[in-house]
Amino acid sequence: MDFWPFLLLDFVFFPFLLFAIVRIVKSQIGERKKKAFLMAVTFFCFSVFIFTGFEAFFRYRFDESDSLGFLKISERWFKRHVVYNSYFYRDRDFTREKKPGVTRIGIVGDSMTFGYGIKNTEDRFSSILEKKLRGSGRNVEVYNLGKSGYDTWNEIDEFRKVKDMHFDIVVWQYFLNDAQPKASTGTKVLIRQQKQSDLAREITSKSFFLDYLYWRLEAKYDEAFLELRQVDIDSYRDTKNFARHKNDVETFSKILKEDNRKAIVLLLPFFKFLPDNPLSDKYDEIKKMFTGNGLEVIDVYPAVKKMHASDVVVSRYDYHPNEKIQVIIADLLYAKLAPVIPASMKK
């Protein structure tokens, strides 16, 4: 039903095209002018038909995730590829009761764990890890607890809701924007950069195709990425904010290690800016923030530092790791976790 204005446009212009062609052919003007008018009318009308075709494609067929949430096509991606369970996680339904002999692994994190941009949940590192562990004879259950947009302070509250699920091992996926305070400065950047002129907003609100073209040509999208990077970097270099964040990390570390759970930090770099590491001067301090609280760290950066951003992210509009990087992350986790699963828990 939402496509009827575009169909109406086609129905109006098709008879207009036929009428215009007949009038031009029957007119008494010279042949050269006839050809010129016929070409102009035909080009104009077919441009309308082609536009309608592109609109149908971008509205109903094409879907692509968008990290910033600016593009309308990202709405289609979510509707098609994201299904939540009863706990509002993008995973199978959870069972609180654990069967004897099962090693239960929970992966806490943000959109990187959620699998933003990954259409098939089986291609996420959590699912790949579970498959590899089971394939090696280990009786495991891997639960994906990722929530898009979460920072460390969010994850503390979130894990408290599910910590009674008897996890033997918890993997805390940490991304280098997790030090954002509750009054996130990144949100202010997004609101400002997403603003459009009245005319642009009116046009793009009606068309998926024109909305896609607008953001593909609009420099503000890339500017937003760069601003967000700087905001994330500043959140670590701000002494007061970093001290607050360290307290959050200490609090979360204690919660993760309760009941003798094994806790591991999965440290992810800025994939969008590879091979650069914008926080190289703070990197060791960030890692010590975890090790100082008794947490092991799996640092993904050494495994991807020679790669270029275009080879590792989902798309130009989505800086999350693609399927290739999901496999690399799963392999790093497997190498760390497989040796610590007791032999008695093997099939």
C-alpha atoms as a PDB file:
ATOM      1  CA  MET A   1       0.000   0.000   0.000  1.00  0.00           C
ATOM      2  CA  ASP A   2       2.856   2.411   0.666  1.00  0.00           C
ATOM      3  CA  PHE A   3       3.963   2.130  -2.965  1.00  0.00           C
ATOM      4  CA  TRP A   4       0.780   3.437  -4.561  1.00  0.00           C
ATOM      5  CA  PRO A   5       2.082   7.003  -5.197  1.00  0.00           C
ATOM      6  CA  PHE A   6       4.915   5.590  -7.317  1.00  0.00           C
ATOM      7  CA  LEU A   7       2.572   3.290  -9.244  1.00  0.00           C
ATOM      8  CA  LEU A   8       0.249   6.251  -9.803  1.00  0.00           C
ATOM      9  CA  LEU A   9       3.214   8.166 -11.190  1.00  0.00           C
ATOM     10  CA  ASP A  10       3.833   5.388 -13.730  1.00  0.00           C
ATOM     11  CA  PHE A  11       0.160   5.161 -14.703  1.00  0.00           C
ATOM     12  CA  VAL A  12       0.086   8.908 -15.309  1.00  0.00           C
ATOM     13  CA  PHE A  13       3.277   9.129 -17.321  1.00  0.00           C
ATOM     14  CA  PHE A  14       2.733   6.086 -19.531  1.00  0.00           C
ATOM     15  CA  PRO A  15      -0.348   7.478 -21.324  1.00  0.00           C
ATOM     16  CA  PHE A  16       1.354  10.878 -21.360  1.00  0.00           C
ATOM     17  CA  LEU A  17       4.292   9.295 -23.187  1.00  0.00           C
ATOM     18  CA  LEU A  18       2.023   7.711 -25.795  1.00  0.00           C
ATOM     19  CA  PHE A  19       0.034  10.924 -26.227  1.00  0.00           C
ATOM     20  CA  ALA A  20       3.176  13.039 -26.575  1.00  0.00           C
ATOM     21  CA  ILE A  21       4.699  10.678 -29.143  1.00  0.00           C
ATOM     22  CA  VAL A  22       1.538  10.748 -31.285  1.00  0.00           C
ATOM     23  CA  ARG A  23       1.286  14.541 -31.131  1.00  0.00           C
ATOM     24  CA  ILE A  24       4.940  15.007 -32.018  1.00  0.00           C
ATOM     25  CA  VAL A  25       4.808  12.538 -34.931  1.00  0.00           C
ATOM     26  CA  LYS A  26       1.684  14.205 -36.375  1.00  0.00           C
ATOM     27  CA  SER A  27       3.000  17.729 -35.907  1.00  0.00           C
ATOM     28  CA  GLN A  28       4.216  19.832 -38.806  1.00  0.00           C
ATOM     29  CA  ILE A  29       7.587  20.654 -37.307  1.00  0.00           C
ATOM     30  CA  GLY A  30      10.827  19.622 -39.015  1.00  0.00           C
ATOM     31  CA  GLU A  31      12.237  16.119 -38.713  1.00  0.00           C
ATOM     32  CA  ARG A  32      15.216  17.209 -36.645  1.00  0.00           C
ATOM     33  CA  LYS A  33      12.953  18.911 -34.115  1.00  0.00           C
ATOM     34  CA  LYS A  34      10.673  15.875 -34.063  1.00  0.00           C
ATOM     35  CA  LYS A  35      13.590  13.626 -33.201  1.00  0.00           C
ATOM     36  CA  ALA A  36      14.802  16.022 -30.520  1.00  0.00           C
ATOM     37  CA  PHE A  37      11.343  16.295 -28.915  1.00  0.00           C
ATOM     38  CA  LEU A  38      10.792  12.539 -29.097  1.00  0.00           C
ATOM     39  CA  MET A  39      14.145  11.877 -27.448  1.00  0.00           C
ATOM     40  CA  ALA A  40      13.470  14.432 -24.695  1.00  0.00           C
ATOM     41  CA  VAL A  41       9.959  13.145 -23.909  1.00  0.00           C
ATOM     42  CA  THR A  42      11.055   9.514 -24.037  1.00  0.00           C
ATOM     43  CA  PHE A  43      14.081  10.179 -21.825  1.00  0.00           C
ATOM     44  CA  PHE A  44      11.962  12.058 -19.291  1.00  0.00           C
ATOM     45  CA  CYS A  45       9.255   9.415 -19.068  1.00  0.00           C
ATOM     46  CA  PHE A  46      11.627   6.479 -18.951  1.00  0.00           C
ATOM     47  CA  SER A  47      13.565   8.254 -16.209  1.00  0.00           C
ATOM     48  CA  VAL A  48      10.352   8.229 -14.176  1.00  0.00           C
ATOM     49  CA  PHE A  49       9.881   4.491 -14.856  1.00  0.00           C
ATOM     50  CA  ILE A  50      13.498   3.744 -13.950  1.00  0.00           C
ATOM     51  CA  PHE A  51      13.181   5.783 -10.761  1.00  0.00           C
ATOM     52  CA  THR A  52      10.100   3.760  -9.826  1.00  0.00           C
ATOM     53  CA  GLY A  53      12.032   0.562 -10.432  1.00  0.00           C
ATOM     54  CA  PHE A  54      14.908   1.690  -8.227  1.00  0.00           C
ATOM     55  CA  GLU A  55      12.460   2.770  -5.544  1.00  0.00           C
ATOM     56  CA  ALA A  56      10.836  -0.666  -5.564  1.00  0.00           C
ATOM     57  CA  PHE A  57      14.260  -2.332  -5.340  1.00  0.00           C
ATOM     58  CA  PHE A  58      15.518  -0.236  -2.429  1.00  0.00           C
ATOM     59  CA  ARG A  59      12.163  -0.342  -0.640  1.00  0.00           C
ATOM     60  CA  TYR A  60      11.478  -4.074  -0.900  1.00  0.00           C
ATOM     61  CA  ARG A  61      14.556  -6.005  -2.010  1.00  0.00           C
ATOM     62  CA  PHE A  62      17.756  -4.247  -0.975  1.00  0.00           C
ATOM     63  CA  ASP A  63      18.709  -4.224   2.688  1.00  0.00           C
ATOM     64  CA  GLU A  64      21.913  -3.063   4.304  1.00  0.00           C
ATOM     65  CA  SER A  65      22.722  -2.365   7.914  1.00  0.00           C
ATOM     66  CA  ASP A  66      23.697   1.126   8.973  1.00  0.00           C
ATOM     67  CA  SER A  67      25.826   1.641  12.087  1.00  0.00           C
ATOM     68  CA  LEU A  68      24.549   5.146  12.721  1.00  0.00           C
ATOM     69  CA  GLY A  69      20.882   4.482  12.021  1.00  0.00           C
ATOM     70  CA  PHE A  70      20.662   7.250   9.405  1.00  0.00           C
ATOM     71  CA  LEU A  71      19.510   5.242   6.355  1.00  0.00           C
ATOM     72  CA  LYS A  72      15.954   4.000   5.818  1.00  0.00           C
ATOM     73  CA  ILE A  73      17.225   0.740   4.306  1.00  0.00           C
ATOM     74  CA  SER A  74      18.486  -0.273   7.741  1.00  0.00           C
ATOM     75  CA  GLU A  75      14.846  -0.513   8.856  1.00  0.00           C
ATOM     76  CA  ARG A  76      14.344  -3.243   6.243  1.00  0.00           C
ATOM     77  CA  TRP A  77      17.500  -5.041   7.398  1.00  0.00           C
ATOM     78  CA  PHE A  78      16.259  -5.232  10.983  1.00  0.00           C
ATOM     79  CA  LYS A  79      12.805  -6.450   9.986  1.00  0.00           C
ATOM     80  CA  ARG A  80      14.280  -9.232   7.852  1.00  0.00           C
ATOM     81  CA  HIS A  81      17.227 -10.453   9.859  1.00  0.00           C
ATOM     82  CA  VAL A  82      16.705  -9.717  13.549  1.00  0.00           C
ATOM     83  CA  VAL A  83      14.521 -11.986  15.668  1.00  0.00           C
ATOM     84  CA  TYR A  84      14.533 -11.697  19.455  1.00  0.00           C
ATOM     85  CA  ASN A  85      13.911 -14.437  21.984  1.00  0.00           C
ATOM     86  CA  SER A  86      11.753 -14.128  25.094  1.00  0.00           C
ATOM     87  CA  TYR A  87      14.664 -12.463  26.936  1.00  0.00           C
ATOM     88  CA  PHE A  88      14.974  -9.903  24.123  1.00  0.00           C
ATOM     89  CA  TYR A  89      18.314 -11.235  22.937  1.00  0.00           C
ATOM     90  CA  ARG A  90      19.088 -12.103  19.341  1.00  0.00           C
ATOM     91  CA  ASP A  91      19.476 -15.792  20.082  1.00  0.00           C
ATOM     92  CA  ARG A  92      17.525 -19.003  20.608  1.00  0.00           C
ATOM     93  CA  ASP A  93      15.255 -19.170  23.652  1.00  0.00           C
ATOM     94  CA  PHE A  94      17.207 -19.505  26.874  1.00  0.00           C
ATOM     95  CA  THR A  95      16.837 -22.307  29.390  1.00  0.00           C
ATOM     96  CA  ARG A  96      17.738 -21.403  32.951  1.00  0.00           C
ATOM     97  CA  GLU A  97      18.059 -25.014  34.088  1.00  0.00           C
ATOM     98  CA  LYS A  98      21.400 -26.488  33.045  1.00  0.00           C
ATOM     99  CA  LYS A  99      21.760 -30.169  32.232  1.00  0.00           C
ATOM    100  CA  PRO A 100      24.511 -32.148  33.986  1.00  0.00           C
ATOM    101  CA  GLY A 101      27.795 -32.283  32.095  1.00  0.00           C
ATOM    102  CA  VAL A 102      27.172 -29.080  30.131  1.00  0.00           C
ATOM    103  CA  THR A 103      29.631 -26.189  30.122  1.00  0.00           C
ATOM    104  CA  ARG A 104      27.601 -23.038  29.718  1.00  0.00           C
ATOM    105  CA  ILE A 105      29.295 -19.997  28.172  1.00  0.00           C
ATOM    106  CA  GLY A 106      27.734 -16.537  28.197  1.00  0.00           C
ATOM    107  CA  ILE A 107      29.029 -13.812  25.890  1.00  0.00           C
ATOM    108  CA  VAL A 108      28.243 -10.303  27.147  1.00  0.00           C
ATOM    109  CA  GLY A 109      28.722  -7.374  24.831  1.00  0.00           C
ATOM    110  CA  ASP A 110      27.338  -4.677  22.591  1.00  0.00           C
ATOM    111  CA  SER A 111      26.459  -4.607  18.876  1.00  0.00           C
ATOM    112  CA  MET A 112      29.668  -6.486  18.055  1.00  0.00           C
ATOM    113  CA  THR A 113      28.357  -9.516  19.934  1.00  0.00           C
ATOM    114  CA  PHE A 114      24.779  -8.874  18.814  1.00  0.00           C
ATOM    115  CA  GLY A 115      26.020  -9.345  15.256  1.00  0.00           C
ATOM    116  CA  TYR A 116      25.029  -5.997  13.805  1.00  0.00           C
ATOM    117  CA  GLY A 117      25.301  -6.321  10.038  1.00  0.00           C
ATOM    118  CA  ILE A 118      25.502 -10.126  10.120  1.00  0.00           C
ATOM    119  CA  LYS A 119      22.350 -11.445   8.444  1.00  0.00           C
ATOM    120  CA  ASN A 120      22.656 -15.081   9.511  1.00  0.00           C
ATOM    121  CA  THR A 121      23.118 -15.562  13.258  1.00  0.00           C
ATOM    122  CA  GLU A 122      25.057 -18.764  12.534  1.00  0.00           C
ATOM    123  CA  ASP A 123      27.799 -16.554  11.076  1.00  0.00           C
ATOM    124  CA  ARG A 124      28.399 -14.708  14.369  1.00  0.00           C
ATOM    125  CA  PHE A 125      31.476 -15.590  16.396  1.00  0.00           C
ATOM    126  CA  SER A 126      29.316 -16.890  19.267  1.00  0.00           C
ATOM    127  CA  SER A 127      27.630 -19.475  17.031  1.00  0.00           C
ATOM    128  CA  ILE A 128      30.879 -20.396  15.285  1.00  0.00           C
ATOM    129  CA  LEU A 129      32.547 -20.895  18.660  1.00  0.00           C
ATOM    130  CA  GLU A 130      29.764 -23.187  19.864  1.00  0.00           C
ATOM    131  CA  LYS A 131      29.963 -25.243  16.677  1.00  0.00           C
ATOM    132  CA  LYS A 132      33.761 -25.591  16.951  1.00  0.00           C
ATOM    133  CA  LEU A 133      33.631 -26.620  20.603  1.00  0.00           C
ATOM    134  CA  ARG A 134      30.890 -29.162  20.002  1.00  0.00           C
ATOM    135  CA  GLY A 135      32.707 -30.442  16.957  1.00  0.00           C
ATOM    136  CA  SER A 136      35.731 -31.146  19.127  1.00  0.00           C
ATOM    137  CA  GLY A 137      33.608 -33.289  21.451  1.00  0.00           C
ATOM    138  CA  ARG A 138      32.901 -30.709  24.135  1.00  0.00           C
ATOM    139  CA  ASN A 139      29.387 -30.505  25.533  1.00  0.00           C
ATOM    140  CA  VAL A 140      28.784 -26.754  25.580  1.00  0.00           C
ATOM    141  CA  GLU A 141      26.042 -24.174  25.290  1.00  0.00           C
ATOM    142  CA  VAL A 142      27.020 -20.696  24.123  1.00  0.00           C
ATOM    143  CA  TYR A 143      24.565 -17.880  24.886  1.00  0.00           C
ATOM    144  CA  ASN A 144      24.729 -14.589  23.004  1.00  0.00           C
ATOM    145  CA  LEU A 145      23.898 -11.729  25.403  1.00  0.00           C
ATOM    146  CA  GLY A 146      24.803  -8.869  23.053  1.00  0.00           C
ATOM    147  CA  LYS A 147      22.772  -5.646  23.106  1.00  0.00           C
ATOM    148  CA  SER A 148      23.324  -2.939  20.497  1.00  0.00           C
ATOM    149  CA  GLY A 149      24.442   0.434  21.800  1.00  0.00           C
ATOM    150  CA  TYR A 150      25.470  -0.804  25.225  1.00  0.00           C
ATOM    151  CA  ASP A 151      28.467   0.501  27.125  1.00  0.00           C
ATOM    152  CA  THR A 152      30.036  -1.012  30.241  1.00  0.00           C
ATOM    153  CA  TRP A 153      27.593   0.608  32.659  1.00  0.00           C
ATOM    154  CA  ASN A 154      24.682  -0.851  30.643  1.00  0.00           C
ATOM    155  CA  GLU A 155      26.245  -4.304  30.581  1.00  0.00           C
ATOM    156  CA  ILE A 156      26.589  -4.368  34.371  1.00  0.00           C
ATOM    157  CA  ASP A 157      22.825  -3.967  34.776  1.00  0.00           C
ATOM    158  CA  GLU A 158      22.104  -6.362  31.915  1.00  0.00           C
ATOM    159  CA  PHE A 159      24.254  -9.192  33.236  1.00  0.00           C
ATOM    160  CA  ARG A 160      22.592  -8.983  36.641  1.00  0.00           C
ATOM    161  CA  LYS A 161      19.354 -10.061  34.931  1.00  0.00           C
ATOM    162  CA  VAL A 162      20.835 -13.319  33.635  1.00  0.00           C
ATOM    163  CA  LYS A 163      23.703 -14.165  35.969  1.00  0.00           C
ATOM    164  CA  ASP A 164      21.590 -16.880  37.624  1.00  0.00           C
ATOM    165  CA  MET A 165      21.720 -18.941  34.420  1.00  0.00           C
ATOM    166  CA  HIS A 166      24.668 -20.869  35.856  1.00  0.00           C
ATOM    167  CA  PHE A 167      27.361 -19.775  33.407  1.00  0.00           C
ATOM    168  CA  ASP A 168      30.641 -21.599  33.885  1.00  0.00           C
ATOM    169  CA  ILE A 169      32.506 -19.164  31.647  1.00  0.00           C
ATOM    170  CA  VAL A 170      31.683 -15.560  30.778  1.00  0.00           C
ATOM    171  CA  VAL A 171      33.270 -13.759  27.852  1.00  0.00           C
ATOM    172  CA  TRP A 172      33.004 -10.000  28.151  1.00  0.00           C
ATOM    173  CA  GLN A 173      33.294  -8.492  24.692  1.00  0.00           C
ATOM    174  CA  TYR A 174      34.761  -5.019  25.078  1.00  0.00           C
ATOM    175  CA  PHE A 175      34.874  -2.397  22.325  1.00  0.00           C
ATOM    176  CA  LEU A 176      36.877   0.813  22.466  1.00  0.00           C
ATOM    177  CA  ASN A 177      33.826   3.036  22.801  1.00  0.00           C
ATOM    178  CA  ASP A 178      32.646   1.410  26.040  1.00  0.00           C
ATOM    179  CA  ALA A 179      34.004   4.160  28.273  1.00  0.00           C
ATOM    180  CA  GLN A 180      31.208   6.511  27.232  1.00  0.00           C
ATOM    181  CA  PRO A 181      29.393   8.045  30.231  1.00  0.00           C
ATOM    182  CA  LYS A 182      25.636   7.739  30.745  1.00  0.00           C
ATOM    183  CA  ALA A 183      25.139  11.189  29.247  1.00  0.00           C
ATOM    184  CA  SER A 184      26.850   9.992  26.066  1.00  0.00           C
ATOM    185  CA  THR A 185      28.569  12.695  24.036  1.00  0.00           C
ATOM    186  CA  GLY A 186      28.345  10.359  21.032  1.00  0.00           C
ATOM    187  CA  THR A 187      24.555  10.654  21.055  1.00  0.00           C
ATOM    188  CA  LYS A 188      24.851  14.424  20.677  1.00  0.00           C
ATOM    189  CA  VAL A 189      27.076  13.941  17.634  1.00  0.00           C
ATOM    190  CA  LEU A 190      24.539  11.598  16.006  1.00  0.00           C
ATOM    191  CA  ILE A 191      21.619  13.957  16.607  1.00  0.00           C
ATOM    192  CA  ARG A 192      23.505  16.903  15.132  1.00  0.00           C
ATOM    193  CA  GLN A 193      24.896  15.058  12.102  1.00  0.00           C
ATOM    194  CA  GLN A 194      21.553  13.457  11.257  1.00  0.00           C
ATOM    195  CA  LYS A 195      19.847  16.813  10.878  1.00  0.00           C
ATOM    196  CA  GLN A 196      18.711  17.644   7.343  1.00  0.00           C
ATOM    197  CA  SER A 197      17.341  20.729   5.654  1.00  0.00           C
ATOM    198  CA  ASP A 198      13.551  20.904   5.464  1.00  0.00           C
ATOM    199  CA  LEU A 199      13.623  20.132   1.736  1.00  0.00           C
ATOM    200  CA  ALA A 200      16.013  17.182   2.076  1.00  0.00           C
ATOM    201  CA  ARG A 201      14.022  15.754   4.967  1.00  0.00           C
ATOM    202  CA  GLU A 202      10.761  16.042   3.020  1.00  0.00           C
ATOM    203  CA  ILE A 203      12.212  14.278  -0.026  1.00  0.00           C
ATOM    204  CA  THR A 204      14.116  11.504   1.745  1.00  0.00           C
ATOM    205  CA  SER A 205      11.234  10.731   4.088  1.00  0.00           C
ATOM    206  CA  LYS A 206       9.123   9.698   1.095  1.00  0.00           C
ATOM    207  CA  SER A 207      11.698   7.650  -0.836  1.00  0.00           C
ATOM    208  CA  PHE A 208      14.067   4.847   0.169  1.00  0.00           C
ATOM    209  CA  PHE A 209      16.044   5.321  -3.059  1.00  0.00           C
ATOM    210  CA  LEU A 210      16.526   9.089  -2.663  1.00  0.00           C
ATOM    211  CA  ASP A 211      17.331   8.599   1.018  1.00  0.00           C
ATOM    212  CA  TYR A 212      20.078   6.139   0.045  1.00  0.00           C
ATOM    213  CA  LEU A 213      21.470   8.531  -2.595  1.00  0.00           C
ATOM    214  CA  TYR A 214      21.371  11.446  -0.170  1.00  0.00           C
ATOM    215  CA  TRP A 215      23.468   9.719   2.488  1.00  0.00           C
ATOM    216  CA  ARG A 216      25.799   8.213  -0.108  1.00  0.00           C
ATOM    217  CA  LEU A 217      26.587  11.693  -1.389  1.00  0.00           C
ATOM    218  CA  GLU A 218      26.320  13.571   1.915  1.00  0.00           C
ATOM    219  CA  ALA A 219      29.701  14.163   3.551  1.00  0.00           C
ATOM    220  CA  LYS A 220      28.141  14.394   7.015  1.00  0.00           C
ATOM    221  CA  TYR A 221      27.952  10.597   7.251  1.00  0.00           C
ATOM    222  CA  ASP A 222      31.728  10.142   7.121  1.00  0.00           C
ATOM    223  CA  GLU A 223      32.181  13.224   9.281  1.00  0.00           C
ATOM    224  CA  ALA A 224      30.005  11.572  11.932  1.00  0.00           C
ATOM    225  CA  PHE A 225      32.289   8.519  12.013  1.00  0.00           C
ATOM    226  CA  LEU A 226      35.338  10.710  12.511  1.00  0.00           C
ATOM    227  CA  GLU A 227      33.652  12.766  15.221  1.00  0.00           C
ATOM    228  CA  LEU A 228      32.523   9.644  17.038  1.00  0.00           C
ATOM    229  CA  ARG A 229      36.058   8.278  16.934  1.00  0.00           C
ATOM    230  CA  GLN A 230      37.329  11.458  18.546  1.00  0.00           C
ATOM    231  CA  VAL A 231      34.572  11.367  21.167  1.00  0.00           C
ATOM    232  CA  ASP A 232      35.478   7.759  22.010  1.00  0.00           C
ATOM    233  CA  ILE A 233      39.178   8.594  22.251  1.00  0.00           C
ATOM    234  CA  ASP A 234      38.466  11.620  24.450  1.00  0.00           C
ATOM    235  CA  SER A 235      36.444   9.468  26.851  1.00  0.00           C
ATOM    236  CA  TYR A 236      39.697   7.623  27.713  1.00  0.00           C
ATOM    237  CA  ARG A 237      41.872  10.715  27.817  1.00  0.00           C
ATOM    238  CA  ASP A 238      39.456  12.563  30.071  1.00  0.00           C
ATOM    239  CA  THR A 239      41.026  11.788  33.448  1.00  0.00           C
ATOM    240  CA  LYS A 240      37.782  12.097  35.411  1.00  0.00           C
ATOM    241  CA  ASN A 241      35.751   9.997  32.990  1.00  0.00           C
ATOM    242  CA  PHE A 242      38.447   7.312  32.701  1.00  0.00           C
ATOM    243  CA  ALA A 243      38.612   7.035  36.500  1.00  0.00           C
ATOM    244  CA  ARG A 244      34.831   6.571  36.590  1.00  0.00           C
ATOM    245  CA  HIS A 245      35.076   3.937  33.885  1.00  0.00           C
ATOM    246  CA  LYS A 246      37.788   2.058  35.767  1.00  0.00           C
ATOM    247  CA  ASN A 247      35.426   1.858  38.718  1.00  0.00           C
ATOM    248  CA  ASP A 248      32.747   0.384  36.443  1.00  0.00           C
ATOM    249  CA  VAL A 249      35.250  -2.162  35.150  1.00  0.00           C
ATOM    250  CA  GLU A 250      36.223  -3.109  38.696  1.00  0.00           C
ATOM    251  CA  THR A 251      32.552  -3.519  39.660  1.00  0.00           C
ATOM    252  CA  PHE A 252      31.763  -5.629  36.618  1.00  0.00           C
ATOM    253  CA  SER A 253      34.876  -7.761  37.092  1.00  0.00           C
ATOM    254  CA  LYS A 254      33.744  -8.717  40.591  1.00  0.00           C
ATOM    255  CA  ILE A 255      30.269  -9.628  39.349  1.00  0.00           C
ATOM    256  CA  LEU A 256      31.633 -11.722  36.479  1.00  0.00           C
ATOM    257  CA  LYS A 257      33.910 -13.713  38.792  1.00  0.00           C
ATOM    258  CA  GLU A 258      31.198 -14.534  41.319  1.00  0.00           C
ATOM    259  CA  ASP A 259      30.413 -18.214  41.992  1.00  0.00           C
ATOM    260  CA  ASN A 260      33.851 -19.198  40.680  1.00  0.00           C
ATOM    261  CA  ARG A 261      32.979 -18.297  37.104  1.00  0.00           C
ATOM    262  CA  LYS A 262      35.885 -18.007  34.692  1.00  0.00           C
ATOM    263  CA  ALA A 263      35.812 -14.542  33.119  1.00  0.00           C
ATOM    264  CA  ILE A 264      37.669 -13.488  29.968  1.00  0.00           C
ATOM    265  CA  VAL A 265      37.728 -10.124  28.202  1.00  0.00           C
ATOM    266  CA  LEU A 266      37.530 -10.083  24.410  1.00  0.00           C
ATOM    267  CA  LEU A 267      39.111  -6.760  23.427  1.00  0.00           C
ATOM    268  CA  LEU A 268      38.043  -5.504  19.985  1.00  0.00           C
ATOM    269  CA  PRO A 269      39.781  -2.660  18.096  1.00  0.00           C
ATOM    270  CA  PHE A 270      38.339   0.137  15.958  1.00  0.00           C
ATOM    271  CA  PHE A 271      37.701  -1.973  12.840  1.00  0.00           C
ATOM    272  CA  LYS A 272      36.591   1.100  10.886  1.00  0.00           C
ATOM    273  CA  PHE A 273      40.052   2.676  11.188  1.00  0.00           C
ATOM    274  CA  LEU A 274      42.340  -0.301  10.618  1.00  0.00           C
ATOM    275  CA  PRO A 275      45.272  -0.604  10.250  1.00  0.00           C
ATOM    276  CA  ASP A 276      45.400   2.478  12.497  1.00  0.00           C
ATOM    277  CA  ASN A 277      44.920   2.103  16.243  1.00  0.00           C
ATOM    278  CA  PRO A 278      43.774   5.556  17.414  1.00  0.00           C
ATOM    279  CA  LEU A 279      44.192   4.608  21.080  1.00  0.00           C
ATOM    280  CA  SER A 280      47.672   3.097  20.758  1.00  0.00           C
ATOM    281  CA  ASP A 281      49.023   5.418  23.453  1.00  0.00           C
ATOM    282  CA  LYS A 282      46.375   4.198  25.940  1.00  0.00           C
ATOM    283  CA  TYR A 283      46.155   0.585  24.807  1.00  0.00           C
ATOM    284  CA  ASP A 284      48.416  -0.947  27.439  1.00  0.00           C
ATOM    285  CA  GLU A 285      46.667   0.997  30.176  1.00  0.00           C
ATOM    286  CA  ILE A 286      43.281  -0.226  28.927  1.00  0.00           C
ATOM    287  CA  LYS A 287      44.467  -3.847  28.977  1.00  0.00           C
ATOM    288  CA  LYS A 288      45.934  -3.429  32.489  1.00  0.00           C
ATOM    289  CA  MET A 289      42.533  -2.162  33.564  1.00  0.00           C
ATOM    290  CA  PHE A 290      41.301  -5.740  33.046  1.00  0.00           C
ATOM    291  CA  THR A 291      44.323  -7.769  34.075  1.00  0.00           C
ATOM    292  CA  GLY A 292      44.594  -5.705  37.255  1.00  0.00           C
ATOM    293  CA  ASN A 293      41.125  -6.984  38.152  1.00  0.00           C
ATOM    294  CA  GLY A 294      42.069 -10.600  37.575  1.00  0.00           C
ATOM    295  CA  LEU A 295      40.606 -10.947  34.083  1.00  0.00           C
ATOM    296  CA  GLU A 296      42.365 -12.629  31.172  1.00  0.00           C
ATOM    297  CA  VAL A 297      42.391 -10.650  27.937  1.00  0.00           C
ATOM    298  CA  ILE A 298      42.079 -11.872  24.355  1.00  0.00           C
ATOM    299  CA  ASP A 299      43.321  -8.958  22.251  1.00  0.00           C
ATOM    300  CA  VAL A 300      42.006  -9.177  18.680  1.00  0.00           C
ATOM    301  CA  TYR A 301      44.074  -6.263  17.356  1.00  0.00           C
ATOM    302  CA  PRO A 302      47.311  -8.251  16.701  1.00  0.00           C
ATOM    303  CA  ALA A 303      45.333 -10.676  14.509  1.00  0.00           C
ATOM    304  CA  VAL A 304      43.878  -7.906  12.311  1.00  0.00           C
ATOM    305  CA  LYS A 305      46.366  -5.022  12.499  1.00  0.00           C
ATOM    306  CA  LYS A 306      47.719  -5.668   8.992  1.00  0.00           C
ATOM    307  CA  MET A 307      44.245  -5.613   7.455  1.00  0.00           C
ATOM    308  CA  HIS A 308      42.493  -2.638   5.926  1.00  0.00           C
ATOM    309  CA  ALA A 309      39.110  -1.433   7.135  1.00  0.00           C
ATOM    310  CA  SER A 310      37.428  -2.180   3.797  1.00  0.00           C
ATOM    311  CA  ASP A 311      38.374  -5.860   4.174  1.00  0.00           C
ATOM    312  CA  VAL A 312      37.017  -6.325   7.688  1.00  0.00           C
ATOM    313  CA  VAL A 313      33.852  -4.244   8.102  1.00  0.00           C
ATOM    314  CA  VAL A 314      30.366  -5.164   6.923  1.00  0.00           C
ATOM    315  CA  SER A 315      30.013  -2.221   4.516  1.00  0.00           C
ATOM    316  CA  ARG A 316      30.742   1.444   4.023  1.00  0.00           C
ATOM    317  CA  TYR A 317      27.790   2.271   6.252  1.00  0.00           C
ATOM    318  CA  ASP A 318      28.476  -0.396   8.872  1.00  0.00           C
ATOM    319  CA  TYR A 319      31.791  -0.513  10.742  1.00  0.00           C
ATOM    320  CA  HIS A 320      31.001  -3.778  12.540  1.00  0.00           C
ATOM    321  CA  PRO A 321      33.195  -6.822  11.794  1.00  0.00           C
ATOM    322  CA  ASN A 322      32.140  -8.891   8.793  1.00  0.00           C
ATOM    323  CA  GLU A 323      31.829 -12.680   8.502  1.00  0.00           C
ATOM    324  CA  LYS A 324      35.561 -13.129   7.883  1.00  0.00           C
ATOM    325  CA  ILE A 325      36.428 -11.394  11.147  1.00  0.00           C
ATOM    326  CA  GLN A 326      33.746 -13.343  12.987  1.00  0.00           C
ATOM    327  CA  VAL A 327      35.680 -16.512  12.143  1.00  0.00           C
ATOM    328  CA  ILE A 328      38.977 -15.001  13.341  1.00  0.00           C
ATOM    329  CA  ILE A 329      37.389 -13.963  16.639  1.00  0.00           C
ATOM    330  CA  ALA A 330      35.830 -17.412  17.091  1.00  0.00           C
ATOM    331  CA  ASP A 331      39.208 -19.067  16.467  1.00  0.00           C
ATOM    332  CA  LEU A 332      40.899 -16.884  19.092  1.00  0.00           C
ATOM    333  CA  LEU A 333      38.177 -17.720  21.610  1.00  0.00           C
ATOM    334  CA  TYR A 334      38.376 -21.420  20.797  1.00  0.00           C
ATOM    335  CA  ALA A 335      42.131 -21.477  21.349  1.00  0.00           C
ATOM    336  CA  LYS A 336      41.653 -19.896  24.771  1.00  0.00           C
ATOM    337  CA  LEU A 337      38.553 -21.774  25.950  1.00  0.00           C
ATOM    338  CA  ALA A 338      38.956 -25.307  24.610  1.00  0.00           C
ATOM    339  CA  PRO A 339      41.863 -26.212  26.945  1.00  0.00           C
ATOM    340  CA  VAL A 340      40.003 -25.081  30.070  1.00  0.00           C
ATOM    341  CA  ILE A 341      36.866 -27.168  29.578  1.00  0.00           C
ATOM    342  CA  PRO A 342      37.291 -30.169  31.871  1.00  0.00           C
ATOM    343  CA  ALA A 343      37.777 -33.511  30.197  1.00  0.00           C
ATOM    344  CA  SER A 344      34.789 -34.857  32.129  1.00  0.00           C
ATOM    345  CA  MET A 345      32.606 -32.477  30.160  1.00  0.00           C
ATOM    346  CA  LYS A 346      33.626 -33.972  26.841  1.00  0.00           C
ATOM    347  CA  LYS A 347      31.265 -36.352  25.100  1.00  0.00           C
END
